[in-house]
All heavy atoms as atom14 arrays in JSON, in Angstrom:
{
  "sequence": "ARFFPVHIFVFPCIIGTLIQIFNYGLSVGWLFVSIAFQFIQSYL",
  "atom14_mask": [
    [1, 1, 1, 1, 1, 0, 0, 0, 0, 0, 0, 0, 0, 0],
    [1, 1, 1, 1, 1, 1, 1, 1, 1, 1, 1, 0, 0, 0],
    [1, 1, 1, 1, 1, 1, 1, 1, 1, 1, 1, 0, 0, 0],
    [1, 1, 1, 1, 1, 1, 1, 1, 1, 1, 1, 0, 0, 0],
    [1, 1, 1, 1, 1, 1, 1, 0, 0, 0, 0, 0, 0, 0],
    [1, 1, 1, 1, 1, 1, 1, 0, 0, 0, 0, 0, 0, 0],
    [1, 1, 1, 1, 1, 1, 1, 1, 1, 1, 0, 0, 0, 0],
    [1, 1, 1, 1, 1, 1, 1, 1, 0, 0, 0, 0, 0, 0],
    [1, 1, 1, 1, 1, 1, 1, 1, 1, 1, 1, 0, 0, 0],
    [1, 1, 1, 1, 1, 1, 1, 0, 0, 0, 0, 0, 0, 0],
    [1, 1, 1, 1, 1, 1, 1, 1, 1, 1, 1, 0, 0, 0],
    [1, 1, 1, 1, 1, 1, 1, 0, 0, 0, 0, 0, 0, 0],
    [1, 1, 1, 1, 1, 1, 0, 0, 0, 0, 0, 0, 0, 0],
    [1, 1, 1, 1, 1, 1, 1, 1, 0, 0, 0, 0, 0, 0],
    [1, 1, 1, 1, 1, 1, 1, 1, 0, 0, 0, 0, 0, 0],
    [1, 1, 1, 1, 0, 0, 0, 0, 0, 0, 0, 0, 0, 0],
    [1, 1, 1, 1, 1, 1, 1, 0, 0, 0, 0, 0, 0, 0],
    [1, 1, 1, 1, 1, 1, 1, 1, 0, 0, 0, 0, 0, 0],
    [1, 1, 1, 1, 1, 1, 1, 1, 0, 0, 0, 0, 0, 0],
    [1, 1, 1, 1, 1, 1, 1, 1, 1, 0, 0, 0, 0, 0],
    [1, 1, 1, 1, 1, 1, 1, 1, 0, 0, 0, 0, 0, 0],
    [1, 1, 1, 1, 1, 1, 1, 1, 1, 1, 1, 0, 0, 0],
    [1, 1, 1, 1, 1, 1, 1, 1, 0, 0, 0, 0, 0, 0],
    [1, 1, 1, 1, 1, 1, 1, 1, 1, 1, 1, 1, 0, 0],
    [1, 1, 1, 1, 0, 0, 0, 0, 0, 0, 0, 0, 0, 0],
    [1, 1, 1, 1, 1, 1, 1, 1, 0, 0, 0, 0, 0, 0],
    [1, 1, 1, 1, 1, 1, 0, 0, 0, 0, 0, 0, 0, 0],
    [1, 1, 1, 1, 1, 1, 1, 0, 0, 0, 0, 0, 0, 0],
    [1, 1, 1, 1, 0, 0, 0, 0, 0, 0, 0, 0, 0, 0],
    [1, 1, 1, 1, 1, 1, 1, 1, 1, 1, 1, 1, 1, 1],
    [1, 1, 1, 1, 1, 1, 1, 1, 0, 0, 0, 0, 0, 0],
    [1, 1, 1, 1, 1, 1, 1, 1, 1, 1, 1, 0, 0, 0],
    [1, 1, 1, 1, 1, 1, 1, 0, 0, 0, 0, 0, 0, 0],
    [1, 1, 1, 1, 1, 1, 0, 0, 0, 0, 0, 0, 0, 0],
    [1, 1, 1, 1, 1, 1, 1, 1, 0, 0, 0, 0, 0, 0],
    [1, 1, 1, 1, 1, 0, 0, 0, 0, 0, 0, 0, 0, 0],
    [1, 1, 1, 1, 1, 1, 1, 1, 1, 1, 1, 0, 0, 0],
    [1, 1, 1, 1, 1, 1, 1, 1, 1, 0, 0, 0, 0, 0],
    [1, 1, 1, 1, 1, 1, 1, 1, 1, 1, 1, 0, 0, 0],
    [1, 1, 1, 1, 1, 1, 1, 1, 0, 0, 0, 0, 0, 0],
    [1, 1, 1, 1, 1, 1, 1, 1, 1, 0, 0, 0, 0, 0],
    [1, 1, 1, 1, 1, 1, 0, 0, 0, 0, 0, 0, 0, 0],
    [1, 1, 1, 1, 1, 1, 1, 1, 1, 1, 1, 1, 0, 0],
    [1, 1, 1, 1, 1, 1, 1, 1, 0, 0, 0, 0, 0, 0]
  ],
  "atom14_positions": [
    [[8.52, 29.59, -11.33], [8.89, 28.17, -11.33], [9.64, 27.85, -10.01], [9.39, 26.8, -9.38], [9.71, 27.85, -12.54], [0.0, 0.0, 0.0], [0.0, 0.0, 0.0], [0.0, 0.0, 0.0], [0.0, 0.0, 0.0], [0.0, 0.0, 0.0], [0.0, 0.0, 0.0], [0.0, 0.0, 0.0], [0.0, 0.0, 0.0], [0.0, 0.0, 0.0]],
    [[10.55, 28.72, -9.69], [11.33, 28.41, -8.45], [10.4, 28.55, -7.24], [10.61, 27.83, -6.2], [12.45, 29.47, -8.38], [13.35, 29.32, -7.13], [14.48, 30.31, -7.16], [13.95, 31.7, -7.27], [14.75, 32.73, -7.3], [16.07, 32.61, -7.32], [14.23, 33.94, -7.42], [0.0, 0.0, 0.0], [0.0, 0.0, 0.0], [0.0, 0.0, 0.0]],
    [[9.41, 29.39, -7.28], [8.51, 29.64, -6.16], [7.44, 28.58, -6.02], [6.9, 28.44, -4.9], [7.82, 30.99, -6.35], [7.41, 31.62, -5.1], [8.32, 32.03, -4.16], [6.07, 31.86, -4.82], [7.94, 32.65, -2.97], [5.64, 32.5, -3.7], [6.57, 32.88, -2.73], [0.0, 0.0, 0.0], [0.0, 0.0, 0.0], [0.0, 0.0, 0.0]],
    [[7.23, 27.73, -7.09], [6.18, 26.73, -7.05], [6.84, 25.36, -6.69], [7.67, 24.92, -7.42], [5.51, 26.65, -8.39], [4.37, 25.65, -8.44], [3.34, 25.75, -7.52], [4.42, 24.65, -9.35], [2.28, 24.83, -7.52], [3.38, 23.73, -9.4], [2.34, 23.79, -8.5], [0.0, 0.0, 0.0], [0.0, 0.0, 0.0], [0.0, 0.0, 0.0]],
    [[6.43, 24.75, -5.59], [7.1, 23.59, -5.04], [6.65, 22.28, -5.7], [5.97, 21.45, -5.09], [6.72, 23.64, -3.57], [5.35, 24.2, -3.59], [5.31, 25.18, -4.74], [0.0, 0.0, 0.0], [0.0, 0.0, 0.0], [0.0, 0.0, 0.0], [0.0, 0.0, 0.0], [0.0, 0.0, 0.0], [0.0, 0.0, 0.0], [0.0, 0.0, 0.0]],
    [[7.02, 22.05, -6.99], [6.6, 20.85, -7.67], [7.05, 19.59, -6.94], [6.28, 18.64, -6.8], [7.17, 20.83, -9.07], [6.84, 19.55, -9.82], [6.63, 22.02, -9.83], [0.0, 0.0, 0.0], [0.0, 0.0, 0.0], [0.0, 0.0, 0.0], [0.0, 0.0, 0.0], [0.0, 0.0, 0.0], [0.0, 0.0, 0.0], [0.0, 0.0, 0.0]],
    [[8.26, 19.62, -6.39], [8.8, 18.45, -5.73], [8.04, 18.03, -4.45], [7.99, 16.86, -4.12], [10.28, 18.69, -5.35], [10.42, 19.71, -4.38], [10.36, 21.07, -4.67], [10.67, 19.73, -3.02], [10.55, 21.89, -3.65], [10.76, 21.06, -2.6], [0.0, 0.0, 0.0], [0.0, 0.0, 0.0], [0.0, 0.0, 0.0], [0.0, 0.0, 0.0]],
    [[7.38, 18.99, -3.85], [6.62, 18.64, -2.63], [5.45, 17.7, -2.91], [5.09, 16.92, -2.12], [6.14, 19.98, -1.94], [7.25, 20.68, -1.24], [5.06, 19.68, -0.94], [6.89, 21.93, -0.57], [0.0, 0.0, 0.0], [0.0, 0.0, 0.0], [0.0, 0.0, 0.0], [0.0, 0.0, 0.0], [0.0, 0.0, 0.0], [0.0, 0.0, 0.0]],
    [[4.93, 17.83, -4.12], [3.88, 16.87, -4.55], [4.47, 15.62, -5.11], [3.99, 14.49, -4.78], [2.92, 17.58, -5.57], [1.83, 16.65, -6.03], [0.66, 16.56, -5.34], [1.98, 15.92, -7.18], [-0.42, 15.78, -5.78], [0.96, 15.07, -7.64], [-0.21, 15.04, -6.95], [0.0, 0.0, 0.0], [0.0, 0.0, 0.0], [0.0, 0.0, 0.0]],
    [[5.46, 15.72, -5.95], [5.97, 14.63, -6.74], [6.66, 13.57, -5.89], [6.41, 12.35, -6.05], [6.86, 15.16, -7.86], [7.65, 13.95, -8.51], [6.07, 15.87, -8.92], [0.0, 0.0, 0.0], [0.0, 0.0, 0.0], [0.0, 0.0, 0.0], [0.0, 0.0, 0.0], [0.0, 0.0, 0.0], [0.0, 0.0, 0.0], [0.0, 0.0, 0.0]],
    [[7.56, 14.04, -4.96], [8.38, 13.07, -4.21], [7.51, 12.09, -3.38], [7.75, 10.88, -3.39], [9.36, 13.76, -3.36], [10.49, 14.37, -4.2], [11.35, 15.25, -3.59], [10.7, 14.03, -5.51], [12.39, 15.85, -4.29], [11.69, 14.6, -6.24], [12.57, 15.52, -5.63], [0.0, 0.0, 0.0], [0.0, 0.0, 0.0], [0.0, 0.0, 0.0]],
    [[6.47, 12.53, -2.62], [5.7, 11.59, -1.94], [4.94, 10.58, -2.87], [4.82, 9.42, -2.57], [4.62, 12.46, -1.16], [5.31, 13.79, -0.99], [6.15, 13.9, -2.26], [0.0, 0.0, 0.0], [0.0, 0.0, 0.0], [0.0, 0.0, 0.0], [0.0, 0.0, 0.0], [0.0, 0.0, 0.0], [0.0, 0.0, 0.0], [0.0, 0.0, 0.0]],
    [[4.46, 11.16, -4.0], [3.82, 10.24, -5.0], [4.74, 9.15, -5.52], [4.35, 8.02, -5.71], [3.25, 11.09, -6.14], [1.9, 12.16, -5.66], [0.0, 0.0, 0.0], [0.0, 0.0, 0.0], [0.0, 0.0, 0.0], [0.0, 0.0, 0.0], [0.0, 0.0, 0.0], [0.0, 0.0, 0.0], [0.0, 0.0, 0.0], [0.0, 0.0, 0.0]],
    [[6.01, 9.56, -5.84], [6.95, 8.6, -6.34], [7.27, 7.56, -5.24], [7.36, 6.33, -5.56], [8.27, 9.35, -6.74], [8.02, 10.18, -8.02], [9.37, 8.29, -7.02], [9.22, 10.98, -8.53], [0.0, 0.0, 0.0], [0.0, 0.0, 0.0], [0.0, 0.0, 0.0], [0.0, 0.0, 0.0], [0.0, 0.0, 0.0], [0.0, 0.0, 0.0]],
    [[7.43, 8.04, -4.06], [7.72, 7.02, -2.94], [6.56, 6.01, -2.78], [6.78, 4.79, -2.71], [7.93, 7.77, -1.57], [9.22, 8.62, -1.64], [7.95, 6.81, -0.43], [9.37, 9.52, -0.47], [0.0, 0.0, 0.0], [0.0, 0.0, 0.0], [0.0, 0.0, 0.0], [0.0, 0.0, 0.0], [0.0, 0.0, 0.0], [0.0, 0.0, 0.0]],
    [[5.31, 6.53, -2.81], [4.16, 5.66, -2.74], [4.14, 4.69, -3.89], [3.77, 3.5, -3.71], [0.0, 0.0, 0.0], [0.0, 0.0, 0.0], [0.0, 0.0, 0.0], [0.0, 0.0, 0.0], [0.0, 0.0, 0.0], [0.0, 0.0, 0.0], [0.0, 0.0, 0.0], [0.0, 0.0, 0.0], [0.0, 0.0, 0.0], [0.0, 0.0, 0.0]],
    [[4.44, 5.13, -5.08], [4.43, 4.24, -6.27], [5.45, 3.18, -6.16], [5.24, 1.96, -6.47], [4.67, 5.08, -7.51], [3.64, 6.09, -7.67], [4.64, 4.19, -8.79], [0.0, 0.0, 0.0], [0.0, 0.0, 0.0], [0.0, 0.0, 0.0], [0.0, 0.0, 0.0], [0.0, 0.0, 0.0], [0.0, 0.0, 0.0], [0.0, 0.0, 0.0]],
    [[6.67, 3.55, -5.71], [7.74, 2.55, -5.55], [7.44, 1.53, -4.53], [7.74, 0.33, -4.69], [9.08, 3.27, -5.25], [9.66, 4.12, -6.39], [10.89, 4.9, -5.89], [9.97, 3.31, -7.62], [0.0, 0.0, 0.0], [0.0, 0.0, 0.0], [0.0, 0.0, 0.0], [0.0, 0.0, 0.0], [0.0, 0.0, 0.0], [0.0, 0.0, 0.0]],
    [[6.88, 1.98, -3.4], [6.46, 1.03, -2.34], [5.47, 0.01, -2.9], [5.55, -1.17, -2.63], [5.88, 1.76, -1.14], [7.0, 2.53, -0.41], [5.24, 0.78, -0.18], [6.47, 3.45, 0.7], [0.0, 0.0, 0.0], [0.0, 0.0, 0.0], [0.0, 0.0, 0.0], [0.0, 0.0, 0.0], [0.0, 0.0, 0.0], [0.0, 0.0, 0.0]],
    [[4.51, 0.51, -3.66], [3.52, -0.39, -4.2], [4.01, -1.32, -5.25], [3.6, -2.49, -5.36], [2.39, 0.46, -4.8], [1.12, -0.34, -5.12], [-0.13, 0.54, -5.2], [-0.31, 1.46, -4.42], [-0.94, 0.31, -6.23], [0.0, 0.0, 0.0], [0.0, 0.0, 0.0], [0.0, 0.0, 0.0], [0.0, 0.0, 0.0], [0.0, 0.0, 0.0]],
    [[5.05, -0.89, -6.01], [5.69, -1.72, -7.07], [6.38, -2.94, -6.4], [6.2, -4.06, -6.87], [6.71, -0.96, -7.87], [6.0, 0.03, -8.77], [7.51, -1.91, -8.72], [6.91, 0.93, -9.57], [0.0, 0.0, 0.0], [0.0, 0.0, 0.0], [0.0, 0.0, 0.0], [0.0, 0.0, 0.0], [0.0, 0.0, 0.0], [0.0, 0.0, 0.0]],
    [[7.11, -2.66, -5.27], [7.94, -3.71, -4.73], [7.26, -4.42, -3.53], [7.91, -5.3, -2.94], [9.29, -3.12, -4.25], [10.12, -2.53, -5.41], [10.25, -1.21, -5.6], [10.7, -3.44, -6.33], [11.0, -0.71, -6.63], [11.47, -2.95, -7.38], [11.62, -1.59, -7.6], [0.0, 0.0, 0.0], [0.0, 0.0, 0.0], [0.0, 0.0, 0.0]],
    [[6.05, -4.09, -3.25], [5.33, -4.74, -2.15], [3.95, -5.13, -2.57], [2.96, -4.4, -2.4], [5.24, -3.86, -0.9], [6.57, -3.62, -0.28], [7.1, -4.36, 0.53], [7.28, -2.52, -0.69], [0.0, 0.0, 0.0], [0.0, 0.0, 0.0], [0.0, 0.0, 0.0], [0.0, 0.0, 0.0], [0.0, 0.0, 0.0], [0.0, 0.0, 0.0]],
    [[3.85, -6.23, -3.31], [2.59, -6.7, -3.82], [1.59, -6.93, -2.7], [1.88, -7.53, -1.71], [2.79, -8.01, -4.55], [1.5, -8.6, -5.15], [0.87, -7.92, -6.19], [0.99, -9.76, -4.68], [-0.33, -8.38, -6.73], [-0.2, -10.31, -5.18], [-0.85, -9.6, -6.27], [-2.02, -10.1, -6.77], [0.0, 0.0, 0.0], [0.0, 0.0, 0.0]],
    [[0.42, -6.39, -2.91], [-0.64, -6.51, -1.91], [-0.76, -5.32, -0.98], [-1.73, -5.18, -0.22], [0.0, 0.0, 0.0], [0.0, 0.0, 0.0], [0.0, 0.0, 0.0], [0.0, 0.0, 0.0], [0.0, 0.0, 0.0], [0.0, 0.0, 0.0], [0.0, 0.0, 0.0], [0.0, 0.0, 0.0], [0.0, 0.0, 0.0], [0.0, 0.0, 0.0]],
    [[0.29, -4.44, -0.99], [0.3, -3.25, -0.17], [-0.12, -2.07, -1.07], [0.67, -1.53, -1.85], [1.64, -2.99, 0.41], [1.78, -1.9, 1.51], [0.89, -2.14, 2.68], [3.23, -1.73, 1.94], [0.0, 0.0, 0.0], [0.0, 0.0, 0.0], [0.0, 0.0, 0.0], [0.0, 0.0, 0.0], [0.0, 0.0, 0.0], [0.0, 0.0, 0.0]],
    [[-1.34, -1.62, -0.9], [-1.86, -0.56, -1.77], [-1.77, 0.78, -1.05], [-2.67, 1.16, -0.27], [-3.33, -0.86, -2.13], [-3.84, 0.13, -3.0], [0.0, 0.0, 0.0], [0.0, 0.0, 0.0], [0.0, 0.0, 0.0], [0.0, 0.0, 0.0], [0.0, 0.0, 0.0], [0.0, 0.0, 0.0], [0.0, 0.0, 0.0], [0.0, 0.0, 0.0]],
    [[-0.64, 1.53, -1.33], [-0.42, 2.81, -0.67], [-0.39, 3.99, -1.68], [-0.06, 5.06, -1.22], [0.88, 2.75, 0.18], [0.75, 1.71, 1.29], [2.1, 2.43, -0.75], [0.0, 0.0, 0.0], [0.0, 0.0, 0.0], [0.0, 0.0, 0.0], [0.0, 0.0, 0.0], [0.0, 0.0, 0.0], [0.0, 0.0, 0.0], [0.0, 0.0, 0.0]],
    [[-0.6, 3.72, -2.89], [-0.5, 4.76, -3.92], [-1.42, 5.95, -3.61], [-0.97, 7.1, -3.5], [0.0, 0.0, 0.0], [0.0, 0.0, 0.0], [0.0, 0.0, 0.0], [0.0, 0.0, 0.0], [0.0, 0.0, 0.0], [0.0, 0.0, 0.0], [0.0, 0.0, 0.0], [0.0, 0.0, 0.0], [0.0, 0.0, 0.0], [0.0, 0.0, 0.0]],
    [[-2.71, 5.67, -3.42], [-3.62, 6.77, -3.13], [-3.35, 7.45, -1.81], [-3.6, 8.66, -1.59], [-5.09, 6.25, -3.13], [-5.54, 6.09, -4.54], [-5.85, 4.89, -5.16], [-5.87, 7.09, -5.48], [-6.23, 5.13, -6.48], [-6.31, 6.46, -6.68], [-5.86, 8.5, -5.44], [-6.68, 7.19, -7.83], [-6.23, 9.24, -6.57], [-6.62, 8.56, -7.74]],
    [[-2.87, 6.63, -0.83], [-2.52, 7.23, 0.5], [-1.47, 8.35, 0.34], [-1.59, 9.46, 0.87], [-2.06, 6.18, 1.48], [-1.43, 6.64, 2.75], [-2.52, 7.38, 3.62], [-0.86, 5.48, 3.54], [0.0, 0.0, 0.0], [0.0, 0.0, 0.0], [0.0, 0.0, 0.0], [0.0, 0.0, 0.0], [0.0, 0.0, 0.0], [0.0, 0.0, 0.0]],
    [[-0.37, 8.02, -0.42], [0.69, 8.96, -0.61], [0.25, 10.17, -1.52], [0.75, 11.27, -1.32], [1.96, 8.28, -1.19], [2.78, 7.62, -0.11], [2.44, 6.34, 0.39], [3.9, 8.25, 0.43], [3.21, 5.73, 1.35], [4.66, 7.63, 1.4], [4.33, 6.4, 1.87], [0.0, 0.0, 0.0], [0.0, 0.0, 0.0], [0.0, 0.0, 0.0]],
    [[-0.61, 9.91, -2.44], [-1.18, 10.99, -3.26], [-1.91, 11.97, -2.38], [-1.81, 13.18, -2.51], [-2.07, 10.45, -4.38], [-2.87, 11.6, -5.02], [-1.26, 9.75, -5.47], [0.0, 0.0, 0.0], [0.0, 0.0, 0.0], [0.0, 0.0, 0.0], [0.0, 0.0, 0.0], [0.0, 0.0, 0.0], [0.0, 0.0, 0.0], [0.0, 0.0, 0.0]],
    [[-2.72, 11.39, -1.41], [-3.46, 12.27, -0.46], [-2.54, 13.08, 0.38], [-2.78, 14.27, 0.64], [-4.35, 11.39, 0.41], [-5.31, 10.65, -0.36], [0.0, 0.0, 0.0], [0.0, 0.0, 0.0], [0.0, 0.0, 0.0], [0.0, 0.0, 0.0], [0.0, 0.0, 0.0], [0.0, 0.0, 0.0], [0.0, 0.0, 0.0], [0.0, 0.0, 0.0]],
    [[-1.46, 12.45, 0.85], [-0.46, 13.2, 1.66], [0.18, 14.29, 0.83], [0.32, 15.45, 1.31], [0.63, 12.21, 2.16], [0.02, 11.26, 3.17], [1.76, 12.94, 2.78], [0.96, 10.12, 3.59], [0.0, 0.0, 0.0], [0.0, 0.0, 0.0], [0.0, 0.0, 0.0], [0.0, 0.0, 0.0], [0.0, 0.0, 0.0], [0.0, 0.0, 0.0]],
    [[0.52, 13.99, -0.45], [1.09, 14.99, -1.3], [0.15, 16.13, -1.55], [0.57, 17.34, -1.5], [1.46, 14.33, -2.64], [0.0, 0.0, 0.0], [0.0, 0.0, 0.0], [0.0, 0.0, 0.0], [0.0, 0.0, 0.0], [0.0, 0.0, 0.0], [0.0, 0.0, 0.0], [0.0, 0.0, 0.0], [0.0, 0.0, 0.0], [0.0, 0.0, 0.0]],
    [[-1.15, 15.89, -1.68], [-2.12, 16.95, -1.87], [-2.17, 17.84, -0.59], [-2.35, 19.04, -0.74], [-3.52, 16.37, -2.16], [-3.8, 16.14, -3.6], [-4.16, 14.87, -4.05], [-3.66, 17.13, -4.53], [-4.4, 14.62, -5.42], [-3.88, 16.91, -5.88], [-4.27, 15.67, -6.34], [0.0, 0.0, 0.0], [0.0, 0.0, 0.0], [0.0, 0.0, 0.0]],
    [[-2.03, 17.25, 0.57], [-2.03, 18.02, 1.8], [-0.84, 18.94, 1.83], [-0.92, 20.09, 2.25], [-2.09, 17.11, 3.03], [-3.43, 16.39, 3.26], [-4.56, 17.35, 3.47], [-4.45, 18.29, 4.24], [-5.69, 17.07, 2.85], [0.0, 0.0, 0.0], [0.0, 0.0, 0.0], [0.0, 0.0, 0.0], [0.0, 0.0, 0.0], [0.0, 0.0, 0.0]],
    [[0.31, 18.41, 1.49], [1.54, 19.23, 1.46], [1.39, 20.41, 0.51], [1.71, 21.51, 0.88], [2.69, 18.31, 1.01], [3.28, 17.36, 2.02], [4.07, 16.33, 1.65], [2.94, 17.57, 3.38], [4.53, 15.43, 2.63], [3.42, 16.68, 4.3], [4.2, 15.61, 3.96], [0.0, 0.0, 0.0], [0.0, 0.0, 0.0], [0.0, 0.0, 0.0]],
    [[0.92, 20.1, -0.72], [0.87, 21.16, -1.72], [-0.19, 22.2, -1.35], [-0.03, 23.42, -1.56], [0.6, 20.57, -3.15], [1.09, 21.53, -4.22], [-0.87, 20.21, -3.37], [2.53, 21.65, -4.37], [0.0, 0.0, 0.0], [0.0, 0.0, 0.0], [0.0, 0.0, 0.0], [0.0, 0.0, 0.0], [0.0, 0.0, 0.0], [0.0, 0.0, 0.0]],
    [[-1.29, 21.72, -0.72], [-2.33, 22.7, -0.33], [-1.81, 23.65, 0.78], [-2.07, 24.85, 0.69], [-3.56, 21.94, 0.26], [-4.69, 22.83, 0.61], [-5.89, 22.12, 1.2], [-5.75, 21.01, 1.68], [-7.06, 22.66, 1.05], [0.0, 0.0, 0.0], [0.0, 0.0, 0.0], [0.0, 0.0, 0.0], [0.0, 0.0, 0.0], [0.0, 0.0, 0.0]],
    [[-1.07, 23.07, 1.73], [-0.51, 23.96, 2.78], [0.51, 24.92, 2.24], [0.51, 26.12, 2.62], [0.14, 23.06, 3.88], [-0.77, 22.23, 4.45], [0.0, 0.0, 0.0], [0.0, 0.0, 0.0], [0.0, 0.0, 0.0], [0.0, 0.0, 0.0], [0.0, 0.0, 0.0], [0.0, 0.0, 0.0], [0.0, 0.0, 0.0], [0.0, 0.0, 0.0]],
    [[1.37, 24.43, 1.35], [2.39, 25.3, 0.78], [1.76, 26.4, -0.06], [2.18, 27.54, 0.01], [3.44, 24.45, -0.04], [4.69, 25.19, -0.28], [5.83, 24.83, 0.44], [4.83, 26.16, -1.25], [7.02, 25.46, 0.25], [6.05, 26.77, -1.47], [7.16, 26.46, -0.68], [8.33, 27.11, -0.87], [0.0, 0.0, 0.0], [0.0, 0.0, 0.0]],
    [[0.8, 26.04, -0.9], [0.22, 27.01, -1.8], [-0.65, 28.06, -0.98], [-0.69, 29.2, -1.43], [-0.71, 26.34, -2.81], [0.02, 25.49, -3.9], [-1.01, 24.89, -4.84], [0.99, 26.41, -4.69], [0.0, 0.0, 0.0], [0.0, 0.0, 0.0], [0.0, 0.0, 0.0], [0.0, 0.0, 0.0], [0.0, 0.0, 0.0], [0.0, 0.0, 0.0]]
  ]
}
């Protein structure tokens, strides 16, 4: 559990979600999910 970087995926996704919540018309959710997937792929 300590060795698996859950936060590396979750934090970018949360940031993208919050940006999209407070900025109507700015659709960045999938962009940040894609970035998170790149992070987790490199780390794994």
